[in-house]
């Protein structure tokens, strides 16, 4: 999930930049921008990606009493 959240926008931005500057691509400025972003964004966006992963997990596998360590509740 974190890879999609971070790498998706980076690849899209890199693609748009390459299309705009195609005949003469400025490699050093692109590397100086996208390399630090690729290293910093996963750390910054970890809480968001973790929350989204938990939300998807709860949607696919709803919580039940054993998940909380509680004994089976019988009415």
PDB file of N, CA and C in Angstrom:
ATOM      1  N   UNK A   1       0.830  -1.185   0.000  1.00  0.00           N
ATOM      2  CA  UNK A   1       0.000   0.000   0.000  1.00  0.00           C
ATOM      3  C   UNK A   1       0.879   1.255   0.000  1.00  0.00           C
ATOM      4  N   UNK A   2       1.937   1.227   0.779  1.00  0.00           N
ATOM      5  CA  UNK A   2       2.812   2.396   0.840  1.00  0.00           C
ATOM      6  C   UNK A   2       3.483   2.644  -0.498  1.00  0.00           C
ATOM      7  N   UNK A   3       3.834   1.574  -1.199  1.00  0.00           N
ATOM      8  CA  UNK A   3       4.485   1.740  -2.492  1.00  0.00           C
ATOM      9  C   UNK A   3       3.550   2.405  -3.488  1.00  0.00           C
ATOM     10  N   UNK A   4       2.282   2.069  -3.444  1.00  0.00           N
ATOM     11  CA  UNK A   4       1.317   2.674  -4.360  1.00  0.00           C
ATOM     12  C   UNK A   4       1.131   4.147  -4.034  1.00  0.00           C
ATOM     13  N   UNK A   5       1.029   4.455  -2.749  1.00  0.00           N
ATOM     14  CA  UNK A   5       0.797   5.844  -2.341  1.00  0.00           C
ATOM     15  C   UNK A   5       1.991   6.728  -2.664  1.00  0.00           C
ATOM     16  N   UNK A   6       3.197   6.209  -2.530  1.00  0.00           N
ATOM     17  CA  UNK A   6       4.393   7.024  -2.757  1.00  0.00           C
ATOM     18  C   UNK A   6       4.846   6.971  -4.209  1.00  0.00           C
ATOM     19  N   UNK A   7       4.962   5.778  -4.748  1.00  0.00           N
ATOM     20  CA  UNK A   7       5.538   5.648  -6.079  1.00  0.00           C
ATOM     21  C   UNK A   7       4.586   6.086  -7.192  1.00  0.00           C
ATOM     22  N   UNK A   8       3.288   5.958  -6.970  1.00  0.00           N
ATOM     23  CA  UNK A   8       2.331   6.380  -7.983  1.00  0.00           C
ATOM     24  C   UNK A   8       2.493   7.837  -8.383  1.00  0.00           C
ATOM     25  N   UNK A   9       2.386   8.755  -7.423  1.00  0.00           N
ATOM     26  CA  UNK A   9       2.568  10.171  -7.782  1.00  0.00           C
ATOM     27  C   UNK A   9       3.977  10.496  -8.283  1.00  0.00           C
ATOM     28  N   UNK A  10       4.995   9.818  -7.748  1.00  0.00           N
ATOM     29  CA  UNK A  10       6.356  10.086  -8.224  1.00  0.00           C
ATOM     30  C   UNK A  10       6.536   9.657  -9.674  1.00  0.00           C
ATOM     31  N   UNK A  11       6.050   8.488 -10.032  1.00  0.00           N
ATOM     32  CA  UNK A  11       6.164   8.016 -11.409  1.00  0.00           C
ATOM     33  C   UNK A  11       5.342   8.899 -12.345  1.00  0.00           C
ATOM     34  N   UNK A  12       4.164   9.303 -11.905  1.00  0.00           N
ATOM     35  CA  UNK A  12       3.333  10.193 -12.716  1.00  0.00           C
ATOM     36  C   UNK A  12       4.030  11.540 -12.936  1.00  0.00           C
ATOM     37  N   UNK A  13       4.573  12.123 -11.874  1.00  0.00           N
ATOM     38  CA  UNK A  13       5.272  13.405 -11.997  1.00  0.00           C
ATOM     39  C   UNK A  13       6.509  13.274 -12.876  1.00  0.00           C
ATOM     40  N   UNK A  14       7.232  12.170 -12.729  1.00  0.00           N
ATOM     41  CA  UNK A  14       8.410  11.955 -13.573  1.00  0.00           C
ATOM     42  C   UNK A  14       8.007  11.805 -15.031  1.00  0.00           C
ATOM     43  N   UNK A  15       6.932  11.091 -15.296  1.00  0.00           N
ATOM     44  CA  UNK A  15       6.456  10.927 -16.667  1.00  0.00           C
ATOM     45  C   UNK A  15       6.043  12.251 -17.285  1.00  0.00           C
ATOM     46  N   UNK A  16       5.320  13.061 -16.535  1.00  0.00           N
ATOM     47  CA  UNK A  16       4.897  14.373 -17.046  1.00  0.00           C
ATOM     48  C   UNK A  16       6.118  15.249 -17.310  1.00  0.00           C
ATOM     49  N   UNK A  17       7.083  15.220 -16.406  1.00  0.00           N
ATOM     50  CA  UNK A  17       8.296  16.013 -16.588  1.00  0.00           C
ATOM     51  C   UNK A  17       9.073  15.560 -17.810  1.00  0.00           C
ATOM     52  N   UNK A  18       9.148  14.248 -18.016  1.00  0.00           N
ATOM     53  CA  UNK A  18       9.851  13.742 -19.192  1.00  0.00           C
ATOM     54  C   UNK A  18       9.137  14.127 -20.485  1.00  0.00           C
ATOM     55  N   UNK A  19       7.818  14.099 -20.493  1.00  0.00           N
ATOM     56  CA  UNK A  19       7.061  14.489 -21.692  1.00  0.00           C
ATOM     57  C   UNK A  19       7.275  15.962 -22.002  1.00  0.00           C
ATOM     58  N   UNK A  20       7.303  16.787 -20.967  1.00  0.00           N
ATOM     59  CA  UNK A  20       7.469  18.229 -21.175  1.00  0.00           C
ATOM     60  C   UNK A  20       8.875  18.556 -21.674  1.00  0.00           C
ATOM     61  N   UNK A  21       9.896  17.891 -21.123  1.00  0.00           N
ATOM     62  CA  UNK A  21      11.285  18.226 -21.459  1.00  0.00           C
ATOM     63  C   UNK A  21      11.936  17.200 -22.374  1.00  0.00           C
ATOM     64  N   UNK A  22      11.169  16.469 -23.183  1.00  0.00           N
ATOM     65  CA  UNK A  22      11.682  15.293 -23.866  1.00  0.00           C
ATOM     66  C   UNK A  22      12.940  15.467 -24.716  1.00  0.00           C
ATOM     67  N   UNK A  23      13.059  16.391 -25.616  1.00  0.00           N
ATOM     68  CA  UNK A  23      14.263  16.344 -26.464  1.00  0.00           C
ATOM     69  C   UNK A  23      15.563  16.434 -25.660  1.00  0.00           C
ATOM     70  N   UNK A  24      15.575  17.266 -24.651  1.00  0.00           N
ATOM     71  CA  UNK A  24      16.780  17.430 -23.833  1.00  0.00           C
ATOM     72  C   UNK A  24      16.383  17.305 -22.371  1.00  0.00           C
ATOM     73  N   UNK A  25      16.426  16.096 -21.869  1.00  0.00           N
ATOM     74  CA  UNK A  25      16.007  15.821 -20.494  1.00  0.00           C
ATOM     75  C   UNK A  25      17.122  16.233 -19.534  1.00  0.00           C
ATOM     76  N   UNK A  26      16.823  17.109 -18.573  1.00  0.00           N
ATOM     77  CA  UNK A  26      17.824  17.508 -17.583  1.00  0.00           C
ATOM     78  C   UNK A  26      17.939  16.436 -16.485  1.00  0.00           C
ATOM     79  N   UNK A  27      18.873  15.528 -16.643  1.00  0.00           N
ATOM     80  CA  UNK A  27      18.976  14.367 -15.766  1.00  0.00           C
ATOM     81  C   UNK A  27      19.378  14.761 -14.345  1.00  0.00           C
ATOM     82  N   UNK A  28      20.385  15.595 -14.204  1.00  0.00           N
ATOM     83  CA  UNK A  28      20.872  15.944 -12.864  1.00  0.00           C
ATOM     84  C   UNK A  28      19.805  16.685 -12.049  1.00  0.00           C
ATOM     85  N   UNK A  29      19.120  17.696 -12.595  1.00  0.00           N
ATOM     86  CA  UNK A  29      18.064  18.330 -11.800  1.00  0.00           C
ATOM     87  C   UNK A  29      16.924  17.366 -11.452  1.00  0.00           C
ATOM     88  N   UNK A  30      16.573  16.476 -12.382  1.00  0.00           N
ATOM     89  CA  UNK A  30      15.519  15.505 -12.078  1.00  0.00           C
ATOM     90  C   UNK A  30      15.940  14.571 -10.957  1.00  0.00           C
ATOM     91  N   UNK A  31      17.165  14.085 -11.009  1.00  0.00           N
ATOM     92  CA  UNK A  31      17.654  13.217  -9.941  1.00  0.00           C
ATOM     93  C   UNK A  31      17.743  13.957  -8.611  1.00  0.00           C
ATOM     94  N   UNK A  32      18.129  15.226  -8.664  1.00  0.00           N
ATOM     95  CA  UNK A  32      18.255  15.984  -7.417  1.00  0.00           C
ATOM     96  C   UNK A  32      16.896  16.278  -6.783  1.00  0.00           C
ATOM     97  N   UNK A  33      15.824  16.191  -7.551  1.00  0.00           N
ATOM     98  CA  UNK A  33      14.477  16.400  -7.004  1.00  0.00           C
ATOM     99  C   UNK A  33      13.818  15.076  -6.648  1.00  0.00           C
ATOM    100  N   UNK A  34      13.826  14.128  -7.573  1.00  0.00           N
ATOM    101  CA  UNK A  34      13.066  12.899  -7.380  1.00  0.00           C
ATOM    102  C   UNK A  34      13.746  11.895  -6.452  1.00  0.00           C
ATOM    103  N   UNK A  35      15.049  11.866  -6.391  1.00  0.00           N
ATOM    104  CA  UNK A  35      15.733  10.938  -5.496  1.00  0.00           C
ATOM    105  C   UNK A  35      15.459  11.253  -4.025  1.00  0.00           C
ATOM    106  N   UNK A  36      15.612  12.511  -3.583  1.00  0.00           N
ATOM    107  CA  UNK A  36      15.259  12.800  -2.180  1.00  0.00           C
ATOM    108  C   UNK A  36      13.772  12.571  -1.888  1.00  0.00           C
ATOM    109  N   UNK A  37      12.907  12.900  -2.862  1.00  0.00           N
ATOM    110  CA  UNK A  37      11.482  12.649  -2.650  1.00  0.00           C
ATOM    111  C   UNK A  37      11.197  11.157  -2.488  1.00  0.00           C
ATOM    112  N   UNK A  38      11.882  10.341  -3.278  1.00  0.00           N
ATOM    113  CA  UNK A  38      11.703   8.900  -3.189  1.00  0.00           C
ATOM    114  C   UNK A  38      12.196   8.330  -1.871  1.00  0.00           C
ATOM    115  N   UNK A  39      13.117   9.003  -1.234  1.00  0.00           N
ATOM    116  CA  UNK A  39      13.628   8.542   0.057  1.00  0.00           C
ATOM    117  C   UNK A  39      12.852   9.113   1.241  1.00  0.00           C
ATOM    118  N   UNK A  40      12.346  10.328   1.109  1.00  0.00           N
ATOM    119  CA  UNK A  40      11.674  11.000   2.223  1.00  0.00           C
ATOM    120  C   UNK A  40      10.175  10.705   2.278  1.00  0.00           C
ATOM    121  N   UNK A  41       9.513  10.641   1.141  1.00  0.00           N
ATOM    122  CA  UNK A  41       8.058  10.451   1.135  1.00  0.00           C
ATOM    123  C   UNK A  41       7.588   9.163   1.808  1.00  0.00           C
ATOM    124  N   UNK A  42       8.275   8.025   1.655  1.00  0.00           N
ATOM    125  CA  UNK A  42       7.802   6.846   2.385  1.00  0.00           C
ATOM    126  C   UNK A  42       7.796   7.037   3.901  1.00  0.00           C
ATOM    127  N   UNK A  43       8.756   7.761   4.411  1.00  0.00           N
ATOM    128  CA  UNK A  43       8.809   8.021   5.854  1.00  0.00           C
ATOM    129  C   UNK A  43       7.696   8.976   6.263  1.00  0.00           C
ATOM    130  N   UNK A  44       7.492  10.015   5.483  1.00  0.00           N
ATOM    131  CA  UNK A  44       6.477  11.016   5.810  1.00  0.00           C
ATOM    132  C   UNK A  44       5.063  10.441   5.674  1.00  0.00           C
ATOM    133  N   UNK A  45       4.842   9.623   4.654  1.00  0.00           N
ATOM    134  CA  UNK A  45       3.507   9.103   4.385  1.00  0.00           C
ATOM    135  C   UNK A  45       3.225   7.759   5.044  1.00  0.00           C
ATOM    136  N   UNK A  46       4.127   7.269   5.897  1.00  0.00           N
ATOM    137  CA  UNK A  46       3.901   5.987   6.561  1.00  0.00           C
ATOM    138  C   UNK A  46       2.612   5.969   7.376  1.00  0.00           C
ATOM    139  N   UNK A  47       2.320   6.998   8.182  1.00  0.00           N
ATOM    140  CA  UNK A  47       1.058   6.945   8.951  1.00  0.00           C
ATOM    141  C   UNK A  47      -0.175   6.863   8.062  1.00  0.00           C
ATOM    142  N   UNK A  48      -0.165   7.556   6.949  1.00  0.00           N
ATOM    143  CA  UNK A  48      -1.312   7.533   6.036  1.00  0.00           C
ATOM    144  C   UNK A  48      -1.459   6.151   5.410  1.00  0.00           C
ATOM    145  N   UNK A  49      -0.354   5.584   4.942  1.00  0.00           N
ATOM    146  CA  UNK A  49      -0.432   4.271   4.294  1.00  0.00           C
ATOM    147  C   UNK A  49      -0.794   3.189   5.300  1.00  0.00           C
ATOM    148  N   UNK A  50      -0.311   3.293   6.531  1.00  0.00           N
ATOM    149  CA  UNK A  50      -0.651   2.307   7.559  1.00  0.00           C
ATOM    150  C   UNK A  50      -2.140   2.381   7.891  1.00  0.00           C
ATOM    151  N   UNK A  51      -2.674   3.579   8.003  1.00  0.00           N
ATOM    152  CA  UNK A  51      -4.096   3.745   8.286  1.00  0.00           C
ATOM    153  C   UNK A  51      -4.945   3.195   7.146  1.00  0.00           C
ATOM    154  N   UNK A  52      -4.545   3.461   5.909  1.00  0.00           N
ATOM    155  CA  UNK A  52      -5.301   2.946   4.770  1.00  0.00           C
ATOM    156  C   UNK A  52      -5.238   1.418   4.718  1.00  0.00           C
ATOM    157  N   UNK A  53      -4.084   0.855   5.046  1.00  0.00           N
ATOM    158  CA  UNK A  53      -3.959  -0.600   5.057  1.00  0.00           C
ATOM    159  C   UNK A  53      -4.872  -1.209   6.116  1.00  0.00           C
ATOM    160  N   UNK A  54      -4.937  -0.598   7.284  1.00  0.00           N
ATOM    161  CA  UNK A  54      -5.811  -1.101   8.344  1.00  0.00           C
ATOM    162  C   UNK A  54      -7.283  -0.963   7.941  1.00  0.00           C
ATOM    163  N   UNK A  55      -7.627   0.118   7.256  1.00  0.00           N
ATOM    164  CA  UNK A  55      -9.010   0.305   6.815  1.00  0.00           C
ATOM    165  C   UNK A  55      -9.409  -0.756   5.800  1.00  0.00           C
ATOM    166  N   UNK A  56      -8.523  -1.073   4.873  1.00  0.00           N
ATOM    167  CA  UNK A  56      -8.810  -2.117   3.889  1.00  0.00           C
ATOM    168  C   UNK A  56      -8.923  -3.468   4.587  1.00  0.00           C
ATOM    169  N   UNK A  57      -8.037  -3.735   5.536  1.00  0.00           N
ATOM    170  CA  UNK A  57      -8.075  -4.994   6.266  1.00  0.00           C
ATOM    171  C   UNK A  57      -9.376  -5.137   7.054  1.00  0.00           C
ATOM    172  N   UNK A  58      -9.816  -4.067   7.703  1.00  0.00           N
ATOM    173  CA  UNK A  58     -11.070  -4.122   8.457  1.00  0.00           C
ATOM    174  C   UNK A  58     -12.273  -4.285   7.531  1.00  0.00           C
ATOM    175  N   UNK A  59     -12.184  -3.741   6.334  1.00  0.00           N
ATOM    176  CA  UNK A  59     -13.295  -3.875   5.382  1.00  0.00           C
ATOM    177  C   UNK A  59     -13.385  -5.315   4.854  1.00  0.00           C
ATOM    178  N   UNK A  60     -12.224  -5.911   4.598  1.00  0.00           N
ATOM    179  CA  UNK A  60     -12.207  -7.263   4.060  1.00  0.00           C
ATOM    180  C   UNK A  60     -12.424  -8.328   5.139  1.00  0.00           C
ATOM    181  N   UNK A  61     -11.966  -8.059   6.357  1.00  0.00           N
ATOM    182  CA  UNK A  61     -12.076  -9.015   7.447  1.00  0.00           C
ATOM    183  C   UNK A  61     -12.554  -8.267   8.685  1.00  0.00           C
ATOM    184  N   UNK A  62     -13.875  -8.157   8.861  1.00  0.00           N
ATOM    185  CA  UNK A  62     -14.399  -7.393   9.995  1.00  0.00           C
ATOM    186  C   UNK A  62     -13.887  -7.927  11.337  1.00  0.00           C
ATOM    187  N   UNK A  63     -13.790  -7.038  12.287  1.00  0.00           N
ATOM    188  CA  UNK A  63     -13.292  -7.407  13.614  1.00  0.00           C
ATOM    189  C   UNK A  63     -14.274  -8.340  14.306  1.00  0.00           C
ATOM    190  N   UNK A  64     -13.718  -9.289  15.055  1.00  0.00           N
ATOM    191  CA  UNK A  64     -14.531 -10.227  15.821  1.00  0.00           C
ATOM    192  C   UNK A  64     -13.970 -10.296  17.236  1.00  0.00           C
ATOM    193  N   UNK A  65     -14.717 -10.834  18.196  1.00  0.00           N
ATOM    194  CA  UNK A  65     -14.235 -10.874  19.584  1.00  0.00           C
ATOM    195  C   UNK A  65     -12.857 -11.517  19.770  1.00  0.00           C
ATOM    196  N   UNK A  66     -12.496 -12.589  19.059  1.00  0.00           N
ATOM    197  CA  UNK A  66     -11.141 -13.137  19.256  1.00  0.00           C
ATOM    198  C   UNK A  66     -10.025 -12.168  18.860  1.00  0.00           C
ATOM    199  N   UNK A  67     -10.322 -11.211  18.003  1.00  0.00           N
ATOM    200  CA  UNK A  67      -9.304 -10.227  17.631  1.00  0.00           C
ATOM    201  C   UNK A  67      -8.883  -9.366  18.814  1.00  0.00           C
ATOM    202  N   UNK A  68      -9.769  -9.235  19.799  1.00  0.00           N
ATOM    203  CA  UNK A  68      -9.492  -8.395  20.955  1.00  0.00           C
ATOM    204  C   UNK A  68      -9.052  -9.205  22.167  1.00  0.00           C
ATOM    205  N   UNK A  69      -8.908 -10.498  21.996  1.00  0.00           N
ATOM    206  CA  UNK A  69      -8.488 -11.343  23.098  1.00  0.00           C
ATOM    207  C   UNK A  69      -9.611 -11.655  24.076  1.00  0.00           C
ATOM    208  N   UNK A  70     -10.832 -11.314  23.721  1.00  0.00           N
ATOM    209  CA  UNK A  70     -11.963 -11.573  24.603  1.00  0.00           C
ATOM    210  C   UNK A  70     -12.494 -12.977  24.347  1.00  0.00           C
ATOM    211  N   UNK A  71     -13.016 -13.625  25.382  1.00  0.00           N
ATOM    212  CA  UNK A  71     -13.639 -14.937  25.141  1.00  0.00           C
ATOM    213  C   UNK A  71     -14.905 -14.778  24.320  1.00  0.00           C
ATOM    214  N   UNK A  72     -15.355 -15.859  23.717  1.00  0.00           N
ATOM    215  CA  UNK A  72     -16.574 -15.806  22.922  1.00  0.00           C
ATOM    216  C   UNK A  72     -17.741 -15.352  23.772  1.00  0.00           C
ATOM    217  N   UNK A  73     -18.441 -14.346  23.274  1.00  0.00           N
ATOM    218  CA  UNK A  73     -19.615 -13.835  23.986  1.00  0.00           C
ATOM    219  C   UNK A  73     -20.820 -14.664  23.579  1.00  0.00           C
ATOM    220  N   UNK A  74     -21.470 -15.253  24.575  1.00  0.00           N
ATOM    221  CA  UNK A  74     -22.652 -16.069  24.288  1.00  0.00           C
ATOM    222  C   UNK A  74     -23.813 -15.491  25.059  1.00  0.00           C
ATOM    223  N   UNK A  75     -24.863 -15.229  24.314  1.00  0.00           N
ATOM    224  CA  UNK A  75     -26.051 -14.627  24.951  1.00  0.00           C
ATOM    225  C   UNK A  75     -26.967 -15.685  25.480  1.00  0.00           C
TER     226      UNK A  75
END
